[in-house]
């Protein structure tokens, strides 16, 4: 993750400092680079949380996870 963040931000800064992109494009690129690192990490933490290592009632935690994955009822 940190390699992608580093390369993406340095590449965007290079483009900005050499006049290849303007300030608005730089802002969008940096936001996209950060988002491309943060969003997959959040998704992975949600779906691949080691629930068997959490203290407390494991069956209740599993039921809550299934309910969250099912989404709202219509």
PDB file of N, CA and C in Angstrom:
ATOM      1  N   UNK A   1       0.829  -1.188   0.000  1.00  0.00           N
ATOM      2  CA  UNK A   1       0.000   0.000   0.000  1.00  0.00           C
ATOM      3  C   UNK A   1       0.869   1.244   0.000  1.00  0.00           C
ATOM      4  N   UNK A   2       1.888   1.295   0.826  1.00  0.00           N
ATOM      5  CA  UNK A   2       2.694   2.507   0.908  1.00  0.00           C
ATOM      6  C   UNK A   2       3.484   2.743  -0.381  1.00  0.00           C
ATOM      7  N   UNK A   3       3.839   1.676  -1.090  1.00  0.00           N
ATOM      8  CA  UNK A   3       4.565   1.842  -2.352  1.00  0.00           C
ATOM      9  C   UNK A   3       3.687   2.547  -3.381  1.00  0.00           C
ATOM     10  N   UNK A   4       2.437   2.149  -3.478  1.00  0.00           N
ATOM     11  CA  UNK A   4       1.520   2.796  -4.414  1.00  0.00           C
ATOM     12  C   UNK A   4       1.262   4.248  -4.061  1.00  0.00           C
ATOM     13  N   UNK A   5       1.119   4.511  -2.774  1.00  0.00           N
ATOM     14  CA  UNK A   5       0.920   5.895  -2.337  1.00  0.00           C
ATOM     15  C   UNK A   5       2.133   6.752  -2.667  1.00  0.00           C
ATOM     16  N   UNK A   6       3.307   6.225  -2.411  1.00  0.00           N
ATOM     17  CA  UNK A   6       4.536   6.971  -2.662  1.00  0.00           C
ATOM     18  C   UNK A   6       4.715   7.233  -4.149  1.00  0.00           C
ATOM     19  N   UNK A   7       4.599   6.196  -4.959  1.00  0.00           N
ATOM     20  CA  UNK A   7       4.794   6.360  -6.398  1.00  0.00           C
ATOM     21  C   UNK A   7       3.737   7.278  -6.996  1.00  0.00           C
ATOM     22  N   UNK A   8       2.497   7.111  -6.584  1.00  0.00           N
ATOM     23  CA  UNK A   8       1.420   7.937  -7.130  1.00  0.00           C
ATOM     24  C   UNK A   8       1.570   9.411  -6.797  1.00  0.00           C
ATOM     25  N   UNK A   9       1.896   9.711  -5.559  1.00  0.00           N
ATOM     26  CA  UNK A   9       2.038  11.116  -5.179  1.00  0.00           C
ATOM     27  C   UNK A   9       3.280  11.745  -5.790  1.00  0.00           C
ATOM     28  N   UNK A  10       4.370  11.006  -5.868  1.00  0.00           N
ATOM     29  CA  UNK A  10       5.579  11.546  -6.492  1.00  0.00           C
ATOM     30  C   UNK A  10       5.361  11.761  -7.982  1.00  0.00           C
ATOM     31  N   UNK A  11       4.680  10.836  -8.637  1.00  0.00           N
ATOM     32  CA  UNK A  11       4.394  10.994 -10.064  1.00  0.00           C
ATOM     33  C   UNK A  11       3.513  12.204 -10.322  1.00  0.00           C
ATOM     34  N   UNK A  12       2.499  12.385  -9.489  1.00  0.00           N
ATOM     35  CA  UNK A  12       1.616  13.537  -9.651  1.00  0.00           C
ATOM     36  C   UNK A  12       2.373  14.837  -9.395  1.00  0.00           C
ATOM     37  N   UNK A  13       3.218  14.851  -8.394  1.00  0.00           N
ATOM     38  CA  UNK A  13       4.013  16.037  -8.107  1.00  0.00           C
ATOM     39  C   UNK A  13       4.991  16.341  -9.242  1.00  0.00           C
ATOM     40  N   UNK A  14       5.567  15.315  -9.838  1.00  0.00           N
ATOM     41  CA  UNK A  14       6.453  15.510 -10.982  1.00  0.00           C
ATOM     42  C   UNK A  14       5.686  16.160 -12.136  1.00  0.00           C
ATOM     43  N   UNK A  15       4.498  15.636 -12.412  1.00  0.00           N
ATOM     44  CA  UNK A  15       3.682  16.210 -13.485  1.00  0.00           C
ATOM     45  C   UNK A  15       3.313  17.651 -13.209  1.00  0.00           C
ATOM     46  N   UNK A  16       2.995  17.974 -11.962  1.00  0.00           N
ATOM     47  CA  UNK A  16       2.639  19.350 -11.602  1.00  0.00           C
ATOM     48  C   UNK A  16       3.839  20.275 -11.730  1.00  0.00           C
ATOM     49  N   UNK A  17       4.974  19.849 -11.207  1.00  0.00           N
ATOM     50  CA  UNK A  17       6.146  20.725 -11.211  1.00  0.00           C
ATOM     51  C   UNK A  17       6.738  20.925 -12.606  1.00  0.00           C
ATOM     52  N   UNK A  18       6.459  20.014 -13.542  1.00  0.00           N
ATOM     53  CA  UNK A  18       6.970  20.147 -14.900  1.00  0.00           C
ATOM     54  C   UNK A  18       5.917  20.674 -15.880  1.00  0.00           C
ATOM     55  N   UNK A  19       4.797  21.100 -15.365  1.00  0.00           N
ATOM     56  CA  UNK A  19       3.774  21.711 -16.208  1.00  0.00           C
ATOM     57  C   UNK A  19       2.975  20.736 -17.052  1.00  0.00           C
ATOM     58  N   UNK A  20       3.047  19.449 -16.743  1.00  0.00           N
ATOM     59  CA  UNK A  20       2.302  18.452 -17.511  1.00  0.00           C
ATOM     60  C   UNK A  20       0.832  18.466 -17.115  1.00  0.00           C
ATOM     61  N   UNK A  21       0.565  18.670 -15.841  1.00  0.00           N
ATOM     62  CA  UNK A  21      -0.806  18.770 -15.337  1.00  0.00           C
ATOM     63  C   UNK A  21      -0.938  20.063 -14.550  1.00  0.00           C
ATOM     64  N   UNK A  22      -2.185  20.518 -14.376  1.00  0.00           N
ATOM     65  CA  UNK A  22      -2.408  21.739 -13.594  1.00  0.00           C
ATOM     66  C   UNK A  22      -2.810  21.374 -12.157  1.00  0.00           C
ATOM     67  N   UNK A  23      -3.072  22.397 -11.345  1.00  0.00           N
ATOM     68  CA  UNK A  23      -3.355  22.192  -9.923  1.00  0.00           C
ATOM     69  C   UNK A  23      -4.611  21.350  -9.696  1.00  0.00           C
ATOM     70  N   UNK A  24      -5.646  21.562 -10.499  1.00  0.00           N
ATOM     71  CA  UNK A  24      -6.881  20.800 -10.340  1.00  0.00           C
ATOM     72  C   UNK A  24      -6.648  19.316 -10.650  1.00  0.00           C
ATOM     73  N   UNK A  25      -5.923  19.035 -11.736  1.00  0.00           N
ATOM     74  CA  UNK A  25      -5.628  17.647 -12.079  1.00  0.00           C
ATOM     75  C   UNK A  25      -4.767  16.989 -11.004  1.00  0.00           C
ATOM     76  N   UNK A  26      -3.828  17.745 -10.464  1.00  0.00           N
ATOM     77  CA  UNK A  26      -2.985  17.231  -9.381  1.00  0.00           C
ATOM     78  C   UNK A  26      -3.838  16.846  -8.174  1.00  0.00           C
ATOM     79  N   UNK A  27      -4.782  17.700  -7.823  1.00  0.00           N
ATOM     80  CA  UNK A  27      -5.652  17.421  -6.672  1.00  0.00           C
ATOM     81  C   UNK A  27      -6.469  16.158  -6.898  1.00  0.00           C
ATOM     82  N   UNK A  28      -7.023  16.008  -8.108  1.00  0.00           N
ATOM     83  CA  UNK A  28      -7.803  14.808  -8.417  1.00  0.00           C
ATOM     84  C   UNK A  28      -6.927  13.558  -8.396  1.00  0.00           C
ATOM     85  N   UNK A  29      -5.724  13.665  -8.931  1.00  0.00           N
ATOM     86  CA  UNK A  29      -4.828  12.510  -8.937  1.00  0.00           C
ATOM     87  C   UNK A  29      -4.439  12.080  -7.526  1.00  0.00           C
ATOM     88  N   UNK A  30      -4.098  13.031  -6.678  1.00  0.00           N
ATOM     89  CA  UNK A  30      -3.721  12.690  -5.307  1.00  0.00           C
ATOM     90  C   UNK A  30      -4.912  12.089  -4.557  1.00  0.00           C
ATOM     91  N   UNK A  31      -6.096  12.641  -4.768  1.00  0.00           N
ATOM     92  CA  UNK A  31      -7.292  12.074  -4.136  1.00  0.00           C
ATOM     93  C   UNK A  31      -7.539  10.648  -4.617  1.00  0.00           C
ATOM     94  N   UNK A  32      -7.350  10.404  -5.910  1.00  0.00           N
ATOM     95  CA  UNK A  32      -7.542   9.054  -6.450  1.00  0.00           C
ATOM     96  C   UNK A  32      -6.501   8.082  -5.904  1.00  0.00           C
ATOM     97  N   UNK A  33      -5.264   8.536  -5.780  1.00  0.00           N
ATOM     98  CA  UNK A  33      -4.198   7.679  -5.241  1.00  0.00           C
ATOM     99  C   UNK A  33      -4.506   7.307  -3.792  1.00  0.00           C
ATOM    100  N   UNK A  34      -4.901   8.284  -3.008  1.00  0.00           N
ATOM    101  CA  UNK A  34      -5.218   8.004  -1.604  1.00  0.00           C
ATOM    102  C   UNK A  34      -6.447   7.103  -1.505  1.00  0.00           C
ATOM    103  N   UNK A  35      -7.458   7.392  -2.303  1.00  0.00           N
ATOM    104  CA  UNK A  35      -8.666   6.565  -2.301  1.00  0.00           C
ATOM    105  C   UNK A  35      -8.395   5.128  -2.720  1.00  0.00           C
ATOM    106  N   UNK A  36      -7.491   4.954  -3.695  1.00  0.00           N
ATOM    107  CA  UNK A  36      -7.190   3.604  -4.168  1.00  0.00           C
ATOM    108  C   UNK A  36      -6.417   2.797  -3.128  1.00  0.00           C
ATOM    109  N   UNK A  37      -5.884   3.441  -2.122  1.00  0.00           N
ATOM    110  CA  UNK A  37      -5.222   2.721  -1.040  1.00  0.00           C
ATOM    111  C   UNK A  37      -6.145   2.527   0.157  1.00  0.00           C
ATOM    112  N   UNK A  38      -6.966   3.513   0.441  1.00  0.00           N
ATOM    113  CA  UNK A  38      -7.794   3.477   1.645  1.00  0.00           C
ATOM    114  C   UNK A  38      -9.037   2.611   1.465  1.00  0.00           C
ATOM    115  N   UNK A  39      -9.732   2.747   0.349  1.00  0.00           N
ATOM    116  CA  UNK A  39     -10.996   2.025   0.152  1.00  0.00           C
ATOM    117  C   UNK A  39     -10.800   0.507   0.163  1.00  0.00           C
ATOM    118  N   UNK A  40      -9.850  -0.055  -0.585  1.00  0.00           N
ATOM    119  CA  UNK A  40      -9.669  -1.514  -0.505  1.00  0.00           C
ATOM    120  C   UNK A  40      -9.270  -1.994   0.893  1.00  0.00           C
ATOM    121  N   UNK A  41      -8.507  -1.188   1.617  1.00  0.00           N
ATOM    122  CA  UNK A  41      -8.131  -1.558   2.972  1.00  0.00           C
ATOM    123  C   UNK A  41      -9.353  -1.612   3.881  1.00  0.00           C
ATOM    124  N   UNK A  42     -10.241  -0.644   3.743  1.00  0.00           N
ATOM    125  CA  UNK A  42     -11.460  -0.645   4.550  1.00  0.00           C
ATOM    126  C   UNK A  42     -12.349  -1.839   4.201  1.00  0.00           C
ATOM    127  N   UNK A  43     -12.474  -2.145   2.923  1.00  0.00           N
ATOM    128  CA  UNK A  43     -13.280  -3.294   2.505  1.00  0.00           C
ATOM    129  C   UNK A  43     -12.684  -4.588   3.053  1.00  0.00           C
ATOM    130  N   UNK A  44     -11.372  -4.729   2.936  1.00  0.00           N
ATOM    131  CA  UNK A  44     -10.715  -5.944   3.442  1.00  0.00           C
ATOM    132  C   UNK A  44     -10.887  -6.070   4.946  1.00  0.00           C
ATOM    133  N   UNK A  45     -10.774  -4.973   5.668  1.00  0.00           N
ATOM    134  CA  UNK A  45     -10.947  -5.032   7.120  1.00  0.00           C
ATOM    135  C   UNK A  45     -12.372  -5.413   7.498  1.00  0.00           C
ATOM    136  N   UNK A  46     -13.349  -5.011   6.709  1.00  0.00           N
ATOM    137  CA  UNK A  46     -14.736  -5.344   7.024  1.00  0.00           C
ATOM    138  C   UNK A  46     -15.033  -6.816   6.743  1.00  0.00           C
ATOM    139  N   UNK A  47     -14.642  -7.303   5.572  1.00  0.00           N
ATOM    140  CA  UNK A  47     -15.013  -8.652   5.172  1.00  0.00           C
ATOM    141  C   UNK A  47     -14.093  -9.735   5.724  1.00  0.00           C
ATOM    142  N   UNK A  48     -12.857  -9.385   6.045  1.00  0.00           N
ATOM    143  CA  UNK A  48     -11.915 -10.402   6.476  1.00  0.00           C
ATOM    144  C   UNK A  48     -11.473 -10.209   7.923  1.00  0.00           C
ATOM    145  N   UNK A  49     -12.344  -9.663   8.732  1.00  0.00           N
ATOM    146  CA  UNK A  49     -12.065  -9.487  10.151  1.00  0.00           C
ATOM    147  C   UNK A  49     -12.035 -10.864  10.815  1.00  0.00           C
ATOM    148  N   UNK A  50     -10.975 -11.186  11.548  1.00  0.00           N
ATOM    149  CA  UNK A  50     -10.903 -12.509  12.183  1.00  0.00           C
ATOM    150  C   UNK A  50     -11.841 -12.586  13.390  1.00  0.00           C
ATOM    151  N   UNK A  51     -13.108 -12.829  13.136  1.00  0.00           N
ATOM    152  CA  UNK A  51     -14.121 -12.821  14.184  1.00  0.00           C
ATOM    153  C   UNK A  51     -13.881 -13.903  15.240  1.00  0.00           C
ATOM    154  N   UNK A  52     -13.220 -14.965  14.849  1.00  0.00           N
ATOM    155  CA  UNK A  52     -12.959 -16.040  15.811  1.00  0.00           C
ATOM    156  C   UNK A  52     -11.948 -15.617  16.877  1.00  0.00           C
ATOM    157  N   UNK A  53     -11.246 -14.530  16.674  1.00  0.00           N
ATOM    158  CA  UNK A  53     -10.283 -14.038  17.661  1.00  0.00           C
ATOM    159  C   UNK A  53     -10.854 -12.942  18.557  1.00  0.00           C
ATOM    160  N   UNK A  54     -12.045 -12.456  18.242  1.00  0.00           N
ATOM    161  CA  UNK A  54     -12.662 -11.405  19.035  1.00  0.00           C
ATOM    162  C   UNK A  54     -13.241 -11.974  20.325  1.00  0.00           C
ATOM    163  N   UNK A  55     -13.110 -11.243  21.424  1.00  0.00           N
ATOM    164  CA  UNK A  55     -13.722 -11.721  22.669  1.00  0.00           C
ATOM    165  C   UNK A  55     -15.244 -11.541  22.615  1.00  0.00           C
ATOM    166  N   UNK A  56     -15.932 -12.336  23.364  1.00  0.00           N
ATOM    167  CA  UNK A  56     -17.381 -12.173  23.431  1.00  0.00           C
ATOM    168  C   UNK A  56     -18.116 -13.333  22.783  1.00  0.00           C
ATOM    169  N   UNK A  57     -19.361 -13.081  22.472  1.00  0.00           N
ATOM    170  CA  UNK A  57     -20.252 -14.098  21.947  1.00  0.00           C
ATOM    171  C   UNK A  57     -20.044 -14.246  20.440  1.00  0.00           C
ATOM    172  N   UNK A  58     -19.348 -15.281  20.027  1.00  0.00           N
ATOM    173  CA  UNK A  58     -19.037 -15.493  18.610  1.00  0.00           C
ATOM    174  C   UNK A  58     -20.288 -15.722  17.764  1.00  0.00           C
ATOM    175  N   UNK A  59     -21.277 -16.531  18.201  1.00  0.00           N
ATOM    176  CA  UNK A  59     -22.469 -16.711  17.363  1.00  0.00           C
ATOM    177  C   UNK A  59     -23.227 -15.402  17.135  1.00  0.00           C
ATOM    178  N   UNK A  60     -23.276 -14.539  18.130  1.00  0.00           N
ATOM    179  CA  UNK A  60     -23.961 -13.260  17.959  1.00  0.00           C
ATOM    180  C   UNK A  60     -23.212 -12.387  16.959  1.00  0.00           C
ATOM    181  N   UNK A  61     -21.894 -12.432  16.985  1.00  0.00           N
ATOM    182  CA  UNK A  61     -21.104 -11.669  16.032  1.00  0.00           C
ATOM    183  C   UNK A  61     -21.316 -12.186  14.612  1.00  0.00           C
ATOM    184  N   UNK A  62     -21.388 -13.501  14.451  1.00  0.00           N
ATOM    185  CA  UNK A  62     -21.639 -14.079  13.134  1.00  0.00           C
ATOM    186  C   UNK A  62     -23.025 -13.681  12.623  1.00  0.00           C
ATOM    187  N   UNK A  63     -24.026 -13.685  13.484  1.00  0.00           N
ATOM    188  CA  UNK A  63     -25.370 -13.294  13.085  1.00  0.00           C
ATOM    189  C   UNK A  63     -25.402 -11.833  12.652  1.00  0.00           C
ATOM    190  N   UNK A  64     -24.687 -10.987  13.357  1.00  0.00           N
ATOM    191  CA  UNK A  64     -24.619  -9.576  12.986  1.00  0.00           C
ATOM    192  C   UNK A  64     -23.922  -9.400  11.651  1.00  0.00           C
ATOM    193  N   UNK A  65     -22.875 -10.168  11.399  1.00  0.00           N
ATOM    194  CA  UNK A  65     -22.153 -10.074  10.134  1.00  0.00           C
ATOM    195  C   UNK A  65     -23.035 -10.517   8.975  1.00  0.00           C
ATOM    196  N   UNK A  66     -23.803 -11.588   9.176  1.00  0.00           N
ATOM    197  CA  UNK A  66     -24.706 -12.062   8.132  1.00  0.00           C
ATOM    198  C   UNK A  66     -25.791 -11.025   7.859  1.00  0.00           C
ATOM    199  N   UNK A  67     -26.302 -10.403   8.913  1.00  0.00           N
ATOM    200  CA  UNK A  67     -27.321  -9.380   8.734  1.00  0.00           C
ATOM    201  C   UNK A  67     -26.779  -8.167   7.972  1.00  0.00           C
ATOM    202  N   UNK A  68     -25.536  -7.790   8.245  1.00  0.00           N
ATOM    203  CA  UNK A  68     -24.938  -6.669   7.531  1.00  0.00           C
ATOM    204  C   UNK A  68     -24.720  -6.984   6.063  1.00  0.00           C
ATOM    205  N   UNK A  69     -24.314  -8.207   5.769  1.00  0.00           N
ATOM    206  CA  UNK A  69     -24.083  -8.606   4.386  1.00  0.00           C
ATOM    207  C   UNK A  69     -25.390  -8.706   3.607  1.00  0.00           C
ATOM    208  N   UNK A  70     -26.485  -9.063   4.283  1.00  0.00           N
ATOM    209  CA  UNK A  70     -27.771  -9.188   3.612  1.00  0.00           C
ATOM    210  C   UNK A  70     -28.326  -7.838   3.208  1.00  0.00           C
ATOM    211  N   UNK A  71     -28.001  -6.807   3.966  1.00  0.00           N
ATOM    212  CA  UNK A  71     -28.477  -5.474   3.632  1.00  0.00           C
ATOM    213  C   UNK A  71     -29.857  -5.218   4.187  1.00  0.00           C
ATOM    214  N   UNK A  72     -30.417  -4.036   3.888  1.00  0.00           N
ATOM    215  CA  UNK A  72     -31.739  -3.698   4.400  1.00  0.00           C
ATOM    216  C   UNK A  72     -32.835  -4.533   3.733  1.00  0.00           C
ATOM    217  N   UNK A  73     -33.860  -4.797   4.502  1.00  0.00           N
ATOM    218  CA  UNK A  73     -34.987  -5.560   3.961  1.00  0.00           C
ATOM    219  C   UNK A  73     -35.991  -4.613   3.326  1.00  0.00           C
ATOM    220  N   UNK A  74     -36.543  -5.053   2.199  1.00  0.00           N
ATOM    221  CA  UNK A  74     -37.502  -4.200   1.472  1.00  0.00           C
ATOM    222  C   UNK A  74     -38.914  -4.422   1.943  1.00  0.00           C
TER     223      UNK A  74
END
